[in-house]
Amino acid sequence: MRKYKKPAWLDSNLYFPGNAAMTSVKKLFFMALLPLLIVLAGGALLAFSGRELLLARASSSWPVTPGRIEASSIEEDHRNSGGEATTHYLASIRYEYAVNGTTYHGVRLRFGDSTSTLRADVEGIISRYPPGKEVSVRYLPEQPDVSVLEPGPQGSVYLVPILACVLVLVGLTFPIMVRCSSAYQSAPVA
């Protein structure tokens, strides 16, 4: 019977600084480049999602102008995750409003996720915004083309900034985790 040999890339000892097989290139990658990439990705995500969160929080105090629903429908997004097909439903709402004589068109219902795996949830949203209905539109005074129908932060608008912070923390602590793991692996067994 032939004995199975584990591939070298699966050997966790290969990638830690305490291992003699660790090359300077791998040290550079795991101690500097990979953590830097993780921190940059988390920082970029935090910058984008943080801006959305700040806009969501500020939108409750934005000026209000009358608007009109132009179209509302349900969009379906079919996803295949882990071999299981799911359908996500999205409330697609388009509205028109005017600020200082200029007409704008908006599509943002709220800050945060407005999708659901339950069609009835999205049908409830759509039923509140039939085409032709007069609505109150909140708009950003400095950028009137940024608008929202339901102001304020919704639950999911907090999720991405939290995940971005976790990503930044992982990137910052990654070299420490690698060093600790290396020290643990090279510690003598009593």
C-alpha atoms as a PDB file:
ATOM      1  CA  MET A   1       0.000   0.000   0.000  1.00  0.00           C
ATOM      2  CA  ARG A   2       1.355   3.390  -1.018  1.00  0.00           C
ATOM      3  CA  LYS A   3       1.576   6.023   1.701  1.00  0.00           C
ATOM      4  CA  TYR A   4       0.056   9.412   0.899  1.00  0.00           C
ATOM      5  CA  LYS A   5       2.488  12.311   1.078  1.00  0.00           C
ATOM      6  CA  LYS A   6       1.039  15.693   1.946  1.00  0.00           C
ATOM      7  CA  PRO A   7       1.893  18.407  -0.622  1.00  0.00           C
ATOM      8  CA  ALA A   8       4.423  20.969   0.553  1.00  0.00           C
ATOM      9  CA  TRP A   9       1.973  23.856   0.143  1.00  0.00           C
ATOM     10  CA  LEU A  10      -0.296  22.244   2.754  1.00  0.00           C
ATOM     11  CA  ASP A  11       2.508  22.049   5.305  1.00  0.00           C
ATOM     12  CA  SER A  12       1.690  24.962   7.631  1.00  0.00           C
ATOM     13  CA  ASN A  13       5.241  24.990   9.014  1.00  0.00           C
ATOM     14  CA  LEU A  14       6.540  25.972   5.597  1.00  0.00           C
ATOM     15  CA  TYR A  15       5.108  29.484   5.842  1.00  0.00           C
ATOM     16  CA  PHE A  16       6.094  30.624   9.320  1.00  0.00           C
ATOM     17  CA  PRO A  17       9.256  32.601  10.146  1.00  0.00           C
ATOM     18  CA  GLY A  18      10.556  30.045  12.675  1.00  0.00           C
ATOM     19  CA  ASN A  19      10.894  27.429   9.951  1.00  0.00           C
ATOM     20  CA  ALA A  20      14.320  27.025   8.355  1.00  0.00           C
ATOM     21  CA  ALA A  21      12.631  26.598   4.971  1.00  0.00           C
ATOM     22  CA  MET A  22      11.193  30.088   5.166  1.00  0.00           C
ATOM     23  CA  THR A  23      12.798  32.239   2.495  1.00  0.00           C
ATOM     24  CA  SER A  24      13.267  35.975   2.744  1.00  0.00           C
ATOM     25  CA  VAL A  25      10.678  36.422  -0.024  1.00  0.00           C
ATOM     26  CA  LYS A  26       8.097  34.489   1.972  1.00  0.00           C
ATOM     27  CA  LYS A  27       8.971  36.477   5.090  1.00  0.00           C
ATOM     28  CA  LEU A  28       8.486  39.700   3.163  1.00  0.00           C
ATOM     29  CA  PHE A  29       5.178  38.463   1.817  1.00  0.00           C
ATOM     30  CA  PHE A  30       3.711  37.203   5.115  1.00  0.00           C
ATOM     31  CA  MET A  31       5.180  39.857   7.402  1.00  0.00           C
ATOM     32  CA  ALA A  32       4.736  42.956   5.227  1.00  0.00           C
ATOM     33  CA  LEU A  33       2.996  42.661   1.851  1.00  0.00           C
ATOM     34  CA  LEU A  34       0.008  40.484   2.801  1.00  0.00           C
ATOM     35  CA  PRO A  35      -0.796  42.507   5.948  1.00  0.00           C
ATOM     36  CA  LEU A  36      -0.423  45.731   3.952  1.00  0.00           C
ATOM     37  CA  LEU A  37      -2.817  44.462   1.268  1.00  0.00           C
ATOM     38  CA  ILE A  38      -5.347  43.409   3.923  1.00  0.00           C
ATOM     39  CA  VAL A  39      -5.119  46.807   5.663  1.00  0.00           C
ATOM     40  CA  LEU A  40      -5.448  48.675   2.341  1.00  0.00           C
ATOM     41  CA  ALA A  41      -8.469  46.593   1.291  1.00  0.00           C
ATOM     42  CA  GLY A  42     -10.103  47.104   4.677  1.00  0.00           C
ATOM     43  CA  GLY A  43      -9.286  50.814   4.613  1.00  0.00           C
ATOM     44  CA  ALA A  44     -10.773  51.282   1.151  1.00  0.00           C
ATOM     45  CA  LEU A  45     -13.884  49.371   2.168  1.00  0.00           C
ATOM     46  CA  LEU A  46     -14.122  51.435   5.357  1.00  0.00           C
ATOM     47  CA  ALA A  47     -13.768  54.700   3.418  1.00  0.00           C
ATOM     48  CA  PHE A  48     -16.575  53.772   1.009  1.00  0.00           C
ATOM     49  CA  SER A  49     -18.930  52.244   3.566  1.00  0.00           C
ATOM     50  CA  GLY A  50     -18.133  54.902   6.162  1.00  0.00           C
ATOM     51  CA  ARG A  51     -19.177  57.593   3.713  1.00  0.00           C
ATOM     52  CA  GLU A  52     -22.453  55.754   3.102  1.00  0.00           C
ATOM     53  CA  LEU A  53     -23.040  55.482   6.851  1.00  0.00           C
ATOM     54  CA  LEU A  54     -22.351  59.203   7.362  1.00  0.00           C
ATOM     55  CA  LEU A  55     -24.713  60.093   4.506  1.00  0.00           C
ATOM     56  CA  ALA A  56     -27.370  57.792   5.970  1.00  0.00           C
ATOM     57  CA  ARG A  57     -27.111  59.409   9.394  1.00  0.00           C
ATOM     58  CA  ALA A  58     -27.178  62.937   7.937  1.00  0.00           C
ATOM     59  CA  SER A  59     -30.052  62.255   5.515  1.00  0.00           C
ATOM     60  CA  SER A  60     -32.684  62.651   8.248  1.00  0.00           C
ATOM     61  CA  SER A  61     -31.870  66.363   8.420  1.00  0.00           C
ATOM     62  CA  TRP A  62     -31.591  66.992   4.658  1.00  0.00           C
ATOM     63  CA  PRO A  63     -34.086  69.377   3.013  1.00  0.00           C
ATOM     64  CA  VAL A  64     -37.294  67.871   1.671  1.00  0.00           C
ATOM     65  CA  THR A  65     -38.759  68.460  -1.763  1.00  0.00           C
ATOM     66  CA  PRO A  66     -41.830  66.958  -3.401  1.00  0.00           C
ATOM     67  CA  GLY A  67     -41.281  64.169  -5.875  1.00  0.00           C
ATOM     68  CA  ARG A  68     -43.175  61.629  -7.940  1.00  0.00           C
ATOM     69  CA  ILE A  69     -42.627  57.897  -8.431  1.00  0.00           C
ATOM     70  CA  GLU A  70     -41.887  57.202 -12.098  1.00  0.00           C
ATOM     71  CA  ALA A  71     -41.551  53.423 -11.910  1.00  0.00           C
ATOM     72  CA  SER A  72     -41.414  50.668  -9.334  1.00  0.00           C
ATOM     73  CA  SER A  73     -40.781  46.996  -9.873  1.00  0.00           C
ATOM     74  CA  ILE A  74     -39.220  43.911  -8.362  1.00  0.00           C
ATOM     75  CA  GLU A  75     -35.892  42.738  -9.735  1.00  0.00           C
ATOM     76  CA  GLU A  76     -34.788  39.146  -9.228  1.00  0.00           C
ATOM     77  CA  ASP A  77     -31.191  38.109  -8.650  1.00  0.00           C
ATOM     78  CA  HIS A  78     -30.574  34.381  -8.945  1.00  0.00           C
ATOM     79  CA  ARG A  79     -27.513  33.239  -6.990  1.00  0.00           C
ATOM     80  CA  ASN A  80     -25.839  29.895  -6.592  1.00  0.00           C
ATOM     81  CA  SER A  81     -24.073  29.594  -3.257  1.00  0.00           C
ATOM     82  CA  GLY A  82     -22.551  26.318  -2.126  1.00  0.00           C
ATOM     83  CA  GLY A  83     -24.509  24.365  -4.708  1.00  0.00           C
ATOM     84  CA  GLU A  84     -27.811  25.805  -3.505  1.00  0.00           C
ATOM     85  CA  ALA A  85     -29.704  28.197  -5.749  1.00  0.00           C
ATOM     86  CA  THR A  86     -31.395  31.153  -4.049  1.00  0.00           C
ATOM     87  CA  THR A  87     -33.355  34.082  -5.386  1.00  0.00           C
ATOM     88  CA  HIS A  88     -32.935  37.561  -3.945  1.00  0.00           C
ATOM     89  CA  TYR A  89     -35.550  40.185  -4.635  1.00  0.00           C
ATOM     90  CA  LEU A  90     -34.762  43.903  -4.938  1.00  0.00           C
ATOM     91  CA  ALA A  91     -37.162  46.828  -4.830  1.00  0.00           C
ATOM     92  CA  SER A  92     -36.333  48.930  -7.894  1.00  0.00           C
ATOM     93  CA  ILE A  93     -37.870  52.389  -7.549  1.00  0.00           C
ATOM     94  CA  ARG A  94     -37.249  55.393  -9.789  1.00  0.00           C
ATOM     95  CA  TYR A  95     -38.490  58.839  -8.809  1.00  0.00           C
ATOM     96  CA  GLU A  96     -38.314  62.393 -10.088  1.00  0.00           C
ATOM     97  CA  TYR A  97     -37.873  65.578  -8.067  1.00  0.00           C
ATOM     98  CA  ALA A  98     -36.803  69.190  -8.607  1.00  0.00           C
ATOM     99  CA  VAL A  99     -34.393  71.416  -6.693  1.00  0.00           C
ATOM    100  CA  ASN A 100     -34.029  75.100  -7.639  1.00  0.00           C
ATOM    101  CA  GLY A 101     -35.736  74.521 -10.993  1.00  0.00           C
ATOM    102  CA  THR A 102     -33.505  71.592 -11.989  1.00  0.00           C
ATOM    103  CA  THR A 103     -35.128  68.173 -12.403  1.00  0.00           C
ATOM    104  CA  TYR A 104     -33.346  65.144 -10.970  1.00  0.00           C
ATOM    105  CA  HIS A 105     -34.031  61.419 -11.074  1.00  0.00           C
ATOM    106  CA  GLY A 106     -33.304  59.225  -8.068  1.00  0.00           C
ATOM    107  CA  VAL A 107     -33.220  55.489  -7.447  1.00  0.00           C
ATOM    108  CA  ARG A 108     -32.125  55.246  -3.806  1.00  0.00           C
ATOM    109  CA  LEU A 109     -34.901  53.989  -1.584  1.00  0.00           C
ATOM    110  CA  ARG A 110     -32.754  53.920   1.568  1.00  0.00           C
ATOM    111  CA  PHE A 111     -29.185  53.679   2.743  1.00  0.00           C
ATOM    112  CA  GLY A 112     -28.609  50.007   3.405  1.00  0.00           C
ATOM    113  CA  ASP A 113     -29.780  46.829   1.808  1.00  0.00           C
ATOM    114  CA  SER A 114     -33.274  46.699   0.323  1.00  0.00           C
ATOM    115  CA  THR A 115     -33.085  43.104  -0.864  1.00  0.00           C
ATOM    116  CA  SER A 116     -34.766  40.055   0.586  1.00  0.00           C
ATOM    117  CA  THR A 117     -35.053  36.362  -0.121  1.00  0.00           C
ATOM    118  CA  LEU A 118     -38.785  36.732   0.536  1.00  0.00           C
ATOM    119  CA  ARG A 119     -40.696  38.200  -2.374  1.00  0.00           C
ATOM    120  CA  ALA A 120     -43.511  39.306  -0.047  1.00  0.00           C
ATOM    121  CA  ASP A 121     -41.120  41.655   1.810  1.00  0.00           C
ATOM    122  CA  VAL A 122     -40.220  43.449  -1.409  1.00  0.00           C
ATOM    123  CA  GLU A 123     -43.833  43.444  -2.625  1.00  0.00           C
ATOM    124  CA  GLY A 124     -44.692  45.326   0.574  1.00  0.00           C
ATOM    125  CA  ILE A 125     -42.088  47.978  -0.261  1.00  0.00           C
ATOM    126  CA  ILE A 126     -43.247  48.262  -3.877  1.00  0.00           C
ATOM    127  CA  SER A 127     -46.894  48.614  -2.808  1.00  0.00           C
ATOM    128  CA  ARG A 128     -45.959  51.766  -0.838  1.00  0.00           C
ATOM    129  CA  TYR A 129     -44.453  53.360  -3.965  1.00  0.00           C
ATOM    130  CA  PRO A 130     -46.763  52.815  -6.963  1.00  0.00           C
ATOM    131  CA  PRO A 131     -46.005  54.787 -10.151  1.00  0.00           C
ATOM    132  CA  GLY A 132     -47.488  58.295 -10.052  1.00  0.00           C
ATOM    133  CA  LYS A 133     -47.533  58.556  -6.247  1.00  0.00           C
ATOM    134  CA  GLU A 134     -46.429  61.883  -4.785  1.00  0.00           C
ATOM    135  CA  VAL A 135     -43.544  61.409  -2.296  1.00  0.00           C
ATOM    136  CA  SER A 136     -41.230  63.441  -0.096  1.00  0.00           C
ATOM    137  CA  VAL A 137     -37.645  63.273  -1.298  1.00  0.00           C
ATOM    138  CA  ARG A 138     -34.699  64.173   0.919  1.00  0.00           C
ATOM    139  CA  TYR A 139     -31.645  65.477  -0.944  1.00  0.00           C
ATOM    140  CA  LEU A 140     -28.082  66.456  -0.067  1.00  0.00           C
ATOM    141  CA  PRO A 141     -27.997  70.286  -0.281  1.00  0.00           C
ATOM    142  CA  GLU A 142     -24.427  70.416  -1.672  1.00  0.00           C
ATOM    143  CA  GLN A 143     -25.172  67.679  -4.216  1.00  0.00           C
ATOM    144  CA  PRO A 144     -28.894  67.672  -5.044  1.00  0.00           C
ATOM    145  CA  ASP A 145     -28.524  64.604  -7.276  1.00  0.00           C
ATOM    146  CA  VAL A 146     -27.898  62.537  -4.089  1.00  0.00           C
ATOM    147  CA  SER A 147     -31.328  61.714  -2.702  1.00  0.00           C
ATOM    148  CA  VAL A 148     -33.273  59.178  -0.669  1.00  0.00           C
ATOM    149  CA  LEU A 149     -36.923  58.338  -0.034  1.00  0.00           C
ATOM    150  CA  GLU A 150     -36.502  56.706   3.384  1.00  0.00           C
ATOM    151  CA  PRO A 151     -33.859  58.711   5.288  1.00  0.00           C
ATOM    152  CA  GLY A 152     -31.712  57.502   8.147  1.00  0.00           C
ATOM    153  CA  PRO A 153     -29.507  54.450   8.541  1.00  0.00           C
ATOM    154  CA  GLN A 154     -31.029  51.000   8.124  1.00  0.00           C
ATOM    155  CA  GLY A 155     -29.581  47.968   9.930  1.00  0.00           C
ATOM    156  CA  SER A 156     -27.418  46.654   7.105  1.00  0.00           C
ATOM    157  CA  VAL A 157     -25.641  49.992   6.561  1.00  0.00           C
ATOM    158  CA  TYR A 158     -23.672  49.262   9.762  1.00  0.00           C
ATOM    159  CA  LEU A 159     -22.531  45.783   8.666  1.00  0.00           C
ATOM    160  CA  VAL A 160     -19.951  46.693   6.007  1.00  0.00           C
ATOM    161  CA  PRO A 161     -18.066  49.283   8.140  1.00  0.00           C
ATOM    162  CA  ILE A 162     -17.878  46.738  10.979  1.00  0.00           C
ATOM    163  CA  LEU A 163     -16.497  44.086   8.616  1.00  0.00           C
ATOM    164  CA  ALA A 164     -14.034  46.628   7.203  1.00  0.00           C
ATOM    165  CA  CYS A 165     -12.762  47.410  10.719  1.00  0.00           C
ATOM    166  CA  VAL A 166     -12.298  43.690  11.376  1.00  0.00           C
ATOM    167  CA  LEU A 167     -10.328  43.402   8.133  1.00  0.00           C
ATOM    168  CA  VAL A 168      -8.052  46.302   9.139  1.00  0.00           C
ATOM    169  CA  LEU A 169      -7.493  44.749  12.573  1.00  0.00           C
ATOM    170  CA  VAL A 170      -6.639  41.380  11.027  1.00  0.00           C
ATOM    171  CA  GLY A 171      -4.160  43.067   8.703  1.00  0.00           C
ATOM    172  CA  LEU A 172      -2.544  44.968  11.566  1.00  0.00           C
ATOM    173  CA  THR A 173      -2.277  41.916  13.832  1.00  0.00           C
ATOM    174  CA  PHE A 174      -1.353  39.397  11.126  1.00  0.00           C
ATOM    175  CA  PRO A 175       2.450  39.735  11.600  1.00  0.00           C
ATOM    176  CA  ILE A 176       1.990  39.292  15.358  1.00  0.00           C
ATOM    177  CA  MET A 177      -0.110  36.162  14.806  1.00  0.00           C
ATOM    178  CA  VAL A 178       2.524  34.747  12.452  1.00  0.00           C
ATOM    179  CA  ARG A 179       5.317  35.418  14.957  1.00  0.00           C
ATOM    180  CA  CYS A 180       3.324  33.919  17.845  1.00  0.00           C
ATOM    181  CA  SER A 181       2.477  30.864  15.799  1.00  0.00           C
ATOM    182  CA  SER A 182       6.128  30.491  14.841  1.00  0.00           C
ATOM    183  CA  ALA A 183       7.242  30.772  18.472  1.00  0.00           C
ATOM    184  CA  TYR A 184       4.618  28.238  19.517  1.00  0.00           C
ATOM    185  CA  GLN A 185       5.686  25.758  16.821  1.00  0.00           C
ATOM    186  CA  SER A 186       9.366  26.058  17.691  1.00  0.00           C
ATOM    187  CA  ALA A 187       8.828  25.793  21.456  1.00  0.00           C
ATOM    188  CA  PRO A 188      10.333  22.634  22.999  1.00  0.00           C
ATOM    189  CA  VAL A 189       7.885  19.950  24.037  1.00  0.00           C
ATOM    190  CA  ALA A 190       8.172  19.026  27.736  1.00  0.00           C
END
